[in-house]
C-alpha atoms as a PDB file:
ATOM      1  CA  UNK A   1      19.033   3.915 -22.014  1.00  0.00           C
ATOM      2  CA  UNK A   2      15.780   1.527 -21.550  1.00  0.00           C
ATOM      3  CA  UNK A   3      13.777   2.013 -18.936  1.00  0.00           C
ATOM      4  CA  UNK A   4      12.151  -0.850 -17.635  1.00  0.00           C
ATOM      5  CA  UNK A   5       7.708   0.276 -17.158  1.00  0.00           C
ATOM      6  CA  UNK A   6       6.742  -2.475 -15.152  1.00  0.00           C
ATOM      7  CA  UNK A   7       6.959  -2.564 -11.435  1.00  0.00           C
ATOM      8  CA  UNK A   8       5.097  -4.784  -9.930  1.00  0.00           C
ATOM      9  CA  UNK A   9       3.596  -8.121 -11.918  1.00  0.00           C
ATOM     10  CA  UNK A  10       1.878 -11.263  -9.605  1.00  0.00           C
ATOM     11  CA  UNK A  11       1.145 -14.302 -12.112  1.00  0.00           C
ATOM     12  CA  UNK A  12      -1.227 -16.435 -11.069  1.00  0.00           C
ATOM     13  CA  UNK A  13      -0.470 -15.805  -7.485  1.00  0.00           C
ATOM     14  CA  UNK A  14      -2.498 -18.531  -4.723  1.00  0.00           C
ATOM     15  CA  UNK A  15      -2.530 -18.916  -1.542  1.00  0.00           C
ATOM     16  CA  UNK A  16      -4.258 -21.282   0.995  1.00  0.00           C
ATOM     17  CA  UNK A  17      -4.094 -20.491   4.717  1.00  0.00           C
ATOM     18  CA  UNK A  18      -4.399 -24.165   7.316  1.00  0.00           C
ATOM     19  CA  UNK A  19      -6.340 -23.452  10.135  1.00  0.00           C
ATOM     20  CA  UNK A  20      -6.033 -25.819  13.165  1.00  0.00           C
ATOM     21  CA  UNK A  21      -9.529 -26.560  14.786  1.00  0.00           C
ATOM     22  CA  UNK A  22     -10.864 -29.162  17.347  1.00  0.00           C
ATOM     23  CA  UNK A  23      -7.858 -32.262  18.317  1.00  0.00           C
ATOM     24  CA  UNK A  24     -10.547 -34.612  16.525  1.00  0.00           C
ATOM     25  CA  UNK A  25     -11.443 -32.094  14.036  1.00  0.00           C
ATOM     26  CA  UNK A  26      -9.723 -31.787  10.410  1.00  0.00           C
ATOM     27  CA  UNK A  27      -7.983 -28.548   9.684  1.00  0.00           C
ATOM     28  CA  UNK A  28      -9.559 -25.893   7.951  1.00  0.00           C
ATOM     29  CA  UNK A  29      -8.227 -25.057   4.531  1.00  0.00           C
ATOM     30  CA  UNK A  30      -9.375 -21.265   3.359  1.00  0.00           C
ATOM     31  CA  UNK A  31      -7.901 -20.396   0.102  1.00  0.00           C
ATOM     32  CA  UNK A  32      -7.565 -16.422   0.159  1.00  0.00           C
ATOM     33  CA  UNK A  33      -5.960 -16.208  -3.452  1.00  0.00           C
ATOM     34  CA  UNK A  34      -6.232 -18.556  -6.310  1.00  0.00           C
ATOM     35  CA  UNK A  35      -4.494 -17.253  -9.865  1.00  0.00           C
ATOM     36  CA  UNK A  36      -4.048 -13.647  -8.986  1.00  0.00           C
ATOM     37  CA  UNK A  37      -2.320 -11.713 -11.843  1.00  0.00           C
ATOM     38  CA  UNK A  38      -1.758  -8.326 -11.315  1.00  0.00           C
ATOM     39  CA  UNK A  39       0.297  -5.557 -12.696  1.00  0.00           C
ATOM     40  CA  UNK A  40       1.621  -2.193 -11.229  1.00  0.00           C
ATOM     41  CA  UNK A  41       3.435   0.507 -13.853  1.00  0.00           C
ATOM     42  CA  UNK A  42       5.814   3.037 -13.139  1.00  0.00           C
ATOM     43  CA  UNK A  43       3.973   6.408 -12.077  1.00  0.00           C
ATOM     44  CA  UNK A  44       0.765   4.454 -11.336  1.00  0.00           C
ATOM     45  CA  UNK A  45      -1.838   4.536  -9.019  1.00  0.00           C
ATOM     46  CA  UNK A  46      -3.685   0.829  -8.698  1.00  0.00           C
ATOM     47  CA  UNK A  47      -6.249   0.694  -6.767  1.00  0.00           C
ATOM     48  CA  UNK A  48      -7.312  -3.036  -5.125  1.00  0.00           C
ATOM     49  CA  UNK A  49     -11.141  -2.649  -4.298  1.00  0.00           C
ATOM     50  CA  UNK A  50     -12.746  -5.860  -2.124  1.00  0.00           C
ATOM     51  CA  UNK A  51     -14.448  -6.411   0.717  1.00  0.00           C
ATOM     52  CA  UNK A  52     -13.134  -7.248   4.430  1.00  0.00           C
ATOM     53  CA  UNK A  53     -11.821 -11.211   3.850  1.00  0.00           C
ATOM     54  CA  UNK A  54     -11.306 -10.845  -0.034  1.00  0.00           C
ATOM     55  CA  UNK A  55      -7.526 -11.857  -0.145  1.00  0.00           C
ATOM     56  CA  UNK A  56      -6.977  -7.834  -0.664  1.00  0.00           C
ATOM     57  CA  UNK A  57      -4.372  -7.912   2.495  1.00  0.00           C
ATOM     58  CA  UNK A  58      -2.722 -11.440   1.634  1.00  0.00           C
ATOM     59  CA  UNK A  59      -1.931 -10.096  -1.340  1.00  0.00           C
ATOM     60  CA  UNK A  60      -0.238  -6.986  -0.333  1.00  0.00           C
ATOM     61  CA  UNK A  61       1.747  -9.278   2.326  1.00  0.00           C
ATOM     62  CA  UNK A  62       3.366 -11.566  -0.750  1.00  0.00           C
ATOM     63  CA  UNK A  63       4.275  -8.136  -2.533  1.00  0.00           C
ATOM     64  CA  UNK A  64       5.920  -6.928   0.216  1.00  0.00           C
ATOM     65  CA  UNK A  65       7.407 -10.220   0.563  1.00  0.00           C
ATOM     66  CA  UNK A  66       6.360 -10.966   4.191  1.00  0.00           C
ATOM     67  CA  UNK A  67       3.935 -14.137   2.843  1.00  0.00           C
ATOM     68  CA  UNK A  68       5.376 -16.959   0.545  1.00  0.00           C
ATOM     69  CA  UNK A  69       2.397 -17.919  -2.418  1.00  0.00           C
ATOM     70  CA  UNK A  70       1.791 -21.464  -2.407  1.00  0.00           C
ATOM     71  CA  UNK A  71       2.086 -21.289  -6.635  1.00  0.00           C
ATOM     72  CA  UNK A  72       2.910 -18.180  -9.152  1.00  0.00           C
ATOM     73  CA  UNK A  73       5.674 -15.742  -9.420  1.00  0.00           C
ATOM     74  CA  UNK A  74       6.414 -12.062  -8.284  1.00  0.00           C
ATOM     75  CA  UNK A  75       8.381  -9.964 -10.429  1.00  0.00           C
ATOM     76  CA  UNK A  76      10.187  -6.841  -9.820  1.00  0.00           C
ATOM     77  CA  UNK A  77      11.155  -4.471 -12.534  1.00  0.00           C
ATOM     78  CA  UNK A  78      11.225  -7.547 -14.278  1.00  0.00           C
ATOM     79  CA  UNK A  79      13.436 -10.030 -12.730  1.00  0.00           C
ATOM     80  CA  UNK A  80      11.717 -12.981 -10.585  1.00  0.00           C
ATOM     81  CA  UNK A  81      11.918 -12.721  -6.666  1.00  0.00           C
ATOM     82  CA  UNK A  82       9.418 -15.246  -5.819  1.00  0.00           C
ATOM     83  CA  UNK A  83      12.387 -17.609  -4.217  1.00  0.00           C
ATOM     84  CA  UNK A  84      14.364 -14.288  -4.062  1.00  0.00           C
ATOM     85  CA  UNK A  85      16.807 -14.495  -0.528  1.00  0.00           C
ATOM     86  CA  UNK A  86      17.222 -11.509   1.798  1.00  0.00           C
ATOM     87  CA  UNK A  87      20.459 -10.151   0.547  1.00  0.00           C
ATOM     88  CA  UNK A  88      19.290 -10.837  -3.318  1.00  0.00           C
ATOM     89  CA  UNK A  89      16.034  -8.484  -2.277  1.00  0.00           C
ATOM     90  CA  UNK A  90      18.437  -5.718  -0.653  1.00  0.00           C
ATOM     91  CA  UNK A  91      16.821  -3.582  -3.969  1.00  0.00           C
ATOM     92  CA  UNK A  92      13.555  -4.122  -3.560  1.00  0.00           C
ATOM     93  CA  UNK A  93      13.745  -3.545  -0.046  1.00  0.00           C
ATOM     94  CA  UNK A  94      15.412  -0.045  -0.940  1.00  0.00           C
ATOM     95  CA  UNK A  95      12.803   0.592  -3.348  1.00  0.00           C
ATOM     96  CA  UNK A  96       9.537  -0.175  -1.440  1.00  0.00           C
ATOM     97  CA  UNK A  97       7.260   1.052   1.657  1.00  0.00           C
ATOM     98  CA  UNK A  98       4.245   1.121   3.692  1.00  0.00           C
ATOM     99  CA  UNK A  99       1.405   3.218   4.418  1.00  0.00           C
ATOM    100  CA  UNK A 100      -0.478   1.260   7.258  1.00  0.00           C
ATOM    101  CA  UNK A 101      -4.217   2.042   7.936  1.00  0.00           C
ATOM    102  CA  UNK A 102      -3.700   3.317  11.601  1.00  0.00           C
ATOM    103  CA  UNK A 103      -1.504   5.842  12.059  1.00  0.00           C
ATOM    104  CA  UNK A 104      -1.218   5.740  15.813  1.00  0.00           C
ATOM    105  CA  UNK A 105      -0.282   2.314  16.022  1.00  0.00           C
ATOM    106  CA  UNK A 106       2.311   2.670  12.877  1.00  0.00           C
ATOM    107  CA  UNK A 107       4.565   5.179  14.542  1.00  0.00           C
ATOM    108  CA  UNK A 108       6.350   4.169  18.427  1.00  0.00           C
ATOM    109  CA  UNK A 109       5.068   6.144  21.193  1.00  0.00           C
ATOM    110  CA  UNK A 110       7.956   6.415  22.733  1.00  0.00           C
ATOM    111  CA  UNK A 111       9.433   8.100  20.025  1.00  0.00           C
ATOM    112  CA  UNK A 112       9.551  11.988  18.619  1.00  0.00           C
ATOM    113  CA  UNK A 113       8.328  12.475  14.478  1.00  0.00           C
ATOM    114  CA  UNK A 114      11.353  13.735  13.637  1.00  0.00           C
ATOM    115  CA  UNK A 115      13.358  10.178  14.559  1.00  0.00           C
ATOM    116  CA  UNK A 116      10.246   8.253  13.185  1.00  0.00           C
ATOM    117  CA  UNK A 117      10.855   9.845   9.592  1.00  0.00           C
ATOM    118  CA  UNK A 118      14.545   9.151   9.737  1.00  0.00           C
ATOM    119  CA  UNK A 119      14.408   5.591  10.899  1.00  0.00           C
ATOM    120  CA  UNK A 120      14.075   4.188   7.537  1.00  0.00           C
ATOM    121  CA  UNK A 121      17.056   6.462   6.189  1.00  0.00           C
ATOM    122  CA  UNK A 122      19.071   5.010   8.667  1.00  0.00           C
ATOM    123  CA  UNK A 123      18.034   1.834   8.689  1.00  0.00           C
ATOM    124  CA  UNK A 124      18.941   1.718   5.099  1.00  0.00           C
ATOM    125  CA  UNK A 125      22.468   3.573   5.894  1.00  0.00           C
ATOM    126  CA  UNK A 126      21.322   6.063   3.457  1.00  0.00           C
ATOM    127  CA  UNK A 127      23.045   9.623   3.872  1.00  0.00           C
ATOM    128  CA  UNK A 128      25.593  11.072   6.447  1.00  0.00           C
ATOM    129  CA  UNK A 129      23.515  11.791   9.860  1.00  0.00           C
ATOM    130  CA  UNK A 130      23.246  15.151   9.032  1.00  0.00           C
ATOM    131  CA  UNK A 131      21.647  15.516   5.531  1.00  0.00           C
ATOM    132  CA  UNK A 132      19.407  12.902   6.381  1.00  0.00           C
ATOM    133  CA  UNK A 133      17.455  14.683   9.746  1.00  0.00           C
ATOM    134  CA  UNK A 134      17.848  17.610   6.495  1.00  0.00           C
ATOM    135  CA  UNK A 135      15.873  15.515   4.037  1.00  0.00           C
ATOM    136  CA  UNK A 136      13.168  14.385   6.964  1.00  0.00           C
ATOM    137  CA  UNK A 137      12.492  18.018   7.584  1.00  0.00           C
ATOM    138  CA  UNK A 138      11.999  19.061   3.934  1.00  0.00           C
ATOM    139  CA  UNK A 139       9.929  15.886   3.542  1.00  0.00           C
ATOM    140  CA  UNK A 140       7.660  16.655   6.749  1.00  0.00           C
ATOM    141  CA  UNK A 141       7.502  19.647   5.535  1.00  0.00           C
ATOM    142  CA  UNK A 142       6.064  18.513   2.164  1.00  0.00           C
ATOM    143  CA  UNK A 143       3.464  16.760   3.536  1.00  0.00           C
ATOM    144  CA  UNK A 144       2.596  19.850   5.372  1.00  0.00           C
ATOM    145  CA  UNK A 145       3.587  19.133   9.213  1.00  0.00           C
ATOM    146  CA  UNK A 146       5.055  22.393  10.259  1.00  0.00           C
ATOM    147  CA  UNK A 147       8.479  22.861  12.082  1.00  0.00           C
ATOM    148  CA  UNK A 148       7.360  23.110  15.418  1.00  0.00           C
ATOM    149  CA  UNK A 149       6.275  19.379  15.474  1.00  0.00           C
ATOM    150  CA  UNK A 150       8.889  17.732  14.192  1.00  0.00           C
ATOM    151  CA  UNK A 151       9.983  16.956  18.147  1.00  0.00           C
ATOM    152  CA  UNK A 152       6.604  16.228  19.270  1.00  0.00           C
ATOM    153  CA  UNK A 153       5.401  12.883  20.276  1.00  0.00           C
ATOM    154  CA  UNK A 154       2.854  10.804  17.726  1.00  0.00           C
ATOM    155  CA  UNK A 155       0.122  11.436  20.728  1.00  0.00           C
ATOM    156  CA  UNK A 156       0.480  15.405  20.883  1.00  0.00           C
ATOM    157  CA  UNK A 157      -0.573  15.177  16.659  1.00  0.00           C
ATOM    158  CA  UNK A 158      -3.953  14.474  15.319  1.00  0.00           C
ATOM    159  CA  UNK A 159      -5.237  11.571  13.717  1.00  0.00           C
ATOM    160  CA  UNK A 160      -4.608  12.863   9.861  1.00  0.00           C
ATOM    161  CA  UNK A 161      -0.843  14.700  10.991  1.00  0.00           C
ATOM    162  CA  UNK A 162      -0.148  11.362  12.106  1.00  0.00           C
ATOM    163  CA  UNK A 163      -0.791  10.112   8.769  1.00  0.00           C
ATOM    164  CA  UNK A 164       0.770  12.759   7.092  1.00  0.00           C
ATOM    165  CA  UNK A 165       3.930  11.846   9.835  1.00  0.00           C
ATOM    166  CA  UNK A 166       3.770   8.053   8.005  1.00  0.00           C
ATOM    167  CA  UNK A 167       3.335   9.581   4.092  1.00  0.00           C
ATOM    168  CA  UNK A 168       6.455  11.471   5.294  1.00  0.00           C
ATOM    169  CA  UNK A 169       8.602   7.842   6.867  1.00  0.00           C
ATOM    170  CA  UNK A 170       7.645   6.248   3.356  1.00  0.00           C
ATOM    171  CA  UNK A 171       8.694   9.153   0.887  1.00  0.00           C
ATOM    172  CA  UNK A 172      11.741   9.815   2.700  1.00  0.00           C
ATOM    173  CA  UNK A 173      13.849   7.582   0.930  1.00  0.00           C
ATOM    174  CA  UNK A 174      12.936   7.799  -2.644  1.00  0.00           C
ATOM    175  CA  UNK A 175      10.918   4.537  -3.181  1.00  0.00           C
ATOM    176  CA  UNK A 176      10.079   3.626  -6.723  1.00  0.00           C
ATOM    177  CA  UNK A 177       6.775   1.557  -5.296  1.00  0.00           C
ATOM    178  CA  UNK A 178       4.305   2.328  -2.025  1.00  0.00           C
ATOM    179  CA  UNK A 179       1.633  -0.354  -0.792  1.00  0.00           C
ATOM    180  CA  UNK A 180      -1.131   1.623   1.303  1.00  0.00           C
ATOM    181  CA  UNK A 181      -3.403  -0.647   2.513  1.00  0.00           C
ATOM    182  CA  UNK A 182      -6.719   1.558   3.676  1.00  0.00           C
ATOM    183  CA  UNK A 183      -4.856   4.307   4.785  1.00  0.00           C
ATOM    184  CA  UNK A 184      -7.424   6.888   5.217  1.00  0.00           C
ATOM    185  CA  UNK A 185     -10.040   4.152   6.201  1.00  0.00           C
ATOM    186  CA  UNK A 186      -9.487   5.337  10.563  1.00  0.00           C
ATOM    187  CA  UNK A 187     -10.101   8.684   9.729  1.00  0.00           C
ATOM    188  CA  UNK A 188     -12.728  11.386   9.405  1.00  0.00           C
ATOM    189  CA  UNK A 189     -14.151  12.218   6.395  1.00  0.00           C
ATOM    190  CA  UNK A 190     -12.855  15.814   5.948  1.00  0.00           C
ATOM    191  CA  UNK A 191      -9.272  14.492   6.301  1.00  0.00           C
ATOM    192  CA  UNK A 192      -9.843  11.266   4.161  1.00  0.00           C
ATOM    193  CA  UNK A 193      -9.857  13.868   1.379  1.00  0.00           C
ATOM    194  CA  UNK A 194      -6.845  15.706   2.595  1.00  0.00           C
ATOM    195  CA  UNK A 195      -4.641  12.914   2.139  1.00  0.00           C
ATOM    196  CA  UNK A 196      -6.185  12.022  -0.477  1.00  0.00           C
ATOM    197  CA  UNK A 197      -5.160  14.897  -2.248  1.00  0.00           C
ATOM    198  CA  UNK A 198      -2.621  14.728  -0.853  1.00  0.00           C
ATOM    199  CA  UNK A 199      -1.001  11.422  -1.987  1.00  0.00           C
ATOM    200  CA  UNK A 200      -2.165  12.687  -5.970  1.00  0.00           C
ATOM    201  CA  UNK A 201      -0.246  15.933  -5.600  1.00  0.00           C
ATOM    202  CA  UNK A 202       3.277  13.563  -3.996  1.00  0.00           C
ATOM    203  CA  UNK A 203       2.932  10.775  -6.456  1.00  0.00           C
ATOM    204  CA  UNK A 204       2.877  13.972  -9.544  1.00  0.00           C
ATOM    205  CA  UNK A 205       5.703  15.586  -7.809  1.00  0.00           C
ATOM    206  CA  UNK A 206       7.674  12.740  -6.829  1.00  0.00           C
ATOM    207  CA  UNK A 207       7.110   9.788  -9.154  1.00  0.00           C
ATOM    208  CA  UNK A 208       6.088   6.859  -7.648  1.00  0.00           C
ATOM    209  CA  UNK A 209       4.095   3.879  -7.962  1.00  0.00           C
ATOM    210  CA  UNK A 210       1.440   2.802  -5.930  1.00  0.00           C
ATOM    211  CA  UNK A 211      -0.759  -0.146  -4.802  1.00  0.00           C
ATOM    212  CA  UNK A 212      -3.921   1.736  -3.298  1.00  0.00           C
ATOM    213  CA  UNK A 213      -5.778  -1.088  -1.244  1.00  0.00           C
ATOM    214  CA  UNK A 214      -9.261   0.041  -0.477  1.00  0.00           C
ATOM    215  CA  UNK A 215     -12.930  -0.833   0.606  1.00  0.00           C
ATOM    216  CA  UNK A 216     -14.381   2.412  -0.357  1.00  0.00           C
ATOM    217  CA  UNK A 217     -14.988   3.083  -3.790  1.00  0.00           C
ATOM    218  CA  UNK A 218     -15.462   6.949  -3.852  1.00  0.00           C
ATOM    219  CA  UNK A 219     -11.647   6.667  -2.690  1.00  0.00           C
ATOM    220  CA  UNK A 220     -10.199   4.670  -5.407  1.00  0.00           C
ATOM    221  CA  UNK A 221     -12.054   5.833  -8.035  1.00  0.00           C
ATOM    222  CA  UNK A 222     -10.859   8.960  -7.247  1.00  0.00           C
ATOM    223  CA  UNK A 223      -7.135   8.436  -6.947  1.00  0.00           C
ATOM    224  CA  UNK A 224      -6.502   5.501  -9.189  1.00  0.00           C
ATOM    225  CA  UNK A 225      -5.542   5.332 -12.348  1.00  0.00           C
ATOM    226  CA  UNK A 226      -6.555   1.281 -13.131  1.00  0.00           C
ATOM    227  CA  UNK A 227      -8.207  -0.507 -10.652  1.00  0.00           C
ATOM    228  CA  UNK A 228      -8.692  -4.316 -10.118  1.00  0.00           C
ATOM    229  CA  UNK A 229     -11.678  -6.037  -8.350  1.00  0.00           C
ATOM    230  CA  UNK A 230     -10.966  -8.513  -5.676  1.00  0.00           C
ATOM    231  CA  UNK A 231     -13.831 -11.454  -4.616  1.00  0.00           C
ATOM    232  CA  UNK A 232     -12.972 -14.495  -2.534  1.00  0.00           C
ATOM    233  CA  UNK A 233      -9.360 -14.429  -3.622  1.00  0.00           C
ATOM    234  CA  UNK A 234      -9.876 -14.059  -7.405  1.00  0.00           C
ATOM    235  CA  UNK A 235      -9.536 -10.634  -9.657  1.00  0.00           C
ATOM    236  CA  UNK A 236     -12.786 -10.919 -11.399  1.00  0.00           C
ATOM    237  CA  UNK A 237     -12.612  -7.628 -12.624  1.00  0.00           C
ATOM    238  CA  UNK A 238      -9.440  -4.850 -13.809  1.00  0.00           C
ATOM    239  CA  UNK A 239      -9.718  -1.800 -15.972  1.00  0.00           C
ATOM    240  CA  UNK A 240      -9.860   2.054 -15.752  1.00  0.00           C
ATOM    241  CA  UNK A 241     -11.795   2.850 -13.414  1.00  0.00           C
ATOM    242  CA  UNK A 242     -14.208   4.883 -15.424  1.00  0.00           C
ATOM    243  CA  UNK A 243     -15.154   2.036 -17.019  1.00  0.00           C
ATOM    244  CA  UNK A 244     -15.311  -0.340 -14.176  1.00  0.00           C
ATOM    245  CA  UNK A 245     -17.824   2.063 -12.375  1.00  0.00           C
ATOM    246  CA  UNK A 246     -19.729   2.933 -15.194  1.00  0.00           C
ATOM    247  CA  UNK A 247     -20.301  -0.257 -16.519  1.00  0.00           C
ATOM    248  CA  UNK A 248     -19.443  -3.400 -14.472  1.00  0.00           C
ATOM    249  CA  UNK A 249     -19.226  -6.273 -15.809  1.00  0.00           C
ATOM    250  CA  UNK A 250     -18.825  -8.928 -13.228  1.00  0.00           C
ATOM    251  CA  UNK A 251     -22.155  -8.810 -10.603  1.00  0.00           C
ATOM    252  CA  UNK A 252     -19.714  -8.130  -7.523  1.00  0.00           C
ATOM    253  CA  UNK A 253     -18.613  -5.339  -8.372  1.00  0.00           C
ATOM    254  CA  UNK A 254     -22.260  -4.254  -9.269  1.00  0.00           C
ATOM    255  CA  UNK A 255     -23.212  -4.983  -5.812  1.00  0.00           C
ATOM    256  CA  UNK A 256     -20.325  -2.850  -4.919  1.00  0.00           C
ATOM    257  CA  UNK A 257     -21.741   0.164  -6.329  1.00  0.00           C
ATOM    258  CA  UNK A 258     -25.181  -0.876  -5.131  1.00  0.00           C
ATOM    259  CA  UNK A 259     -24.333  -0.661  -2.019  1.00  0.00           C
ATOM    260  CA  UNK A 260     -22.205   2.818  -2.272  1.00  0.00           C
ATOM    261  CA  UNK A 261     -25.325   3.947  -3.602  1.00  0.00           C
ATOM    262  CA  UNK A 262     -27.708   3.218  -0.689  1.00  0.00           C
ATOM    263  CA  UNK A 263     -25.101   4.586   2.001  1.00  0.00           C
END
């Protein structure tokens, strides 16, 4: 049976925000994205790197269908979902999940860990309750959370443990595609390495695709199969991490690397 190799494709995506100023002042137009082209294949981790304000999060929200582009098209498994209704997006919603930057803010402080991880399953009405809980427990163990932690609240865990819980919640529905938006930037450096290696191991075992958004070139170079560099809303460079970071073609990429080695 023919299998579609491409999970996500962005074609000429543009987005402008209108910022209202004073009563007598003209609104300010900010072009967040300009003709962005990007694709992500099956079983591939694609890094998206750029400084704050470069357009990374705006692109992520468009891919997640949380924002609508002003122009351009978004494809999921070769189907154009740019203007799809919520009813038509049911397959898309079931196959896409997010890992957020702040592990504490993305967990409900009043819900126990096992309840937070099981929520996506029950929202999708996937398995029976007993089967769902068993799947959640297996996933929590897989990401390194011990069974004694399952019924704790988020504040009772460390930052690294909370992010492991978020990863388990993202993966428990067995999605095809994950958006990871700066998932290690709020963690200590030693914990960052653990989470990055965990994601690599899980991707190898569970075969999902990922858009990994970061400003940290070291992390992107270690994790990604391919990388895109975004600057002022435009993709200025794309390729294998070894090529992009060893022989950067764009001045912005060169400046990012120079800043990296100055740290």
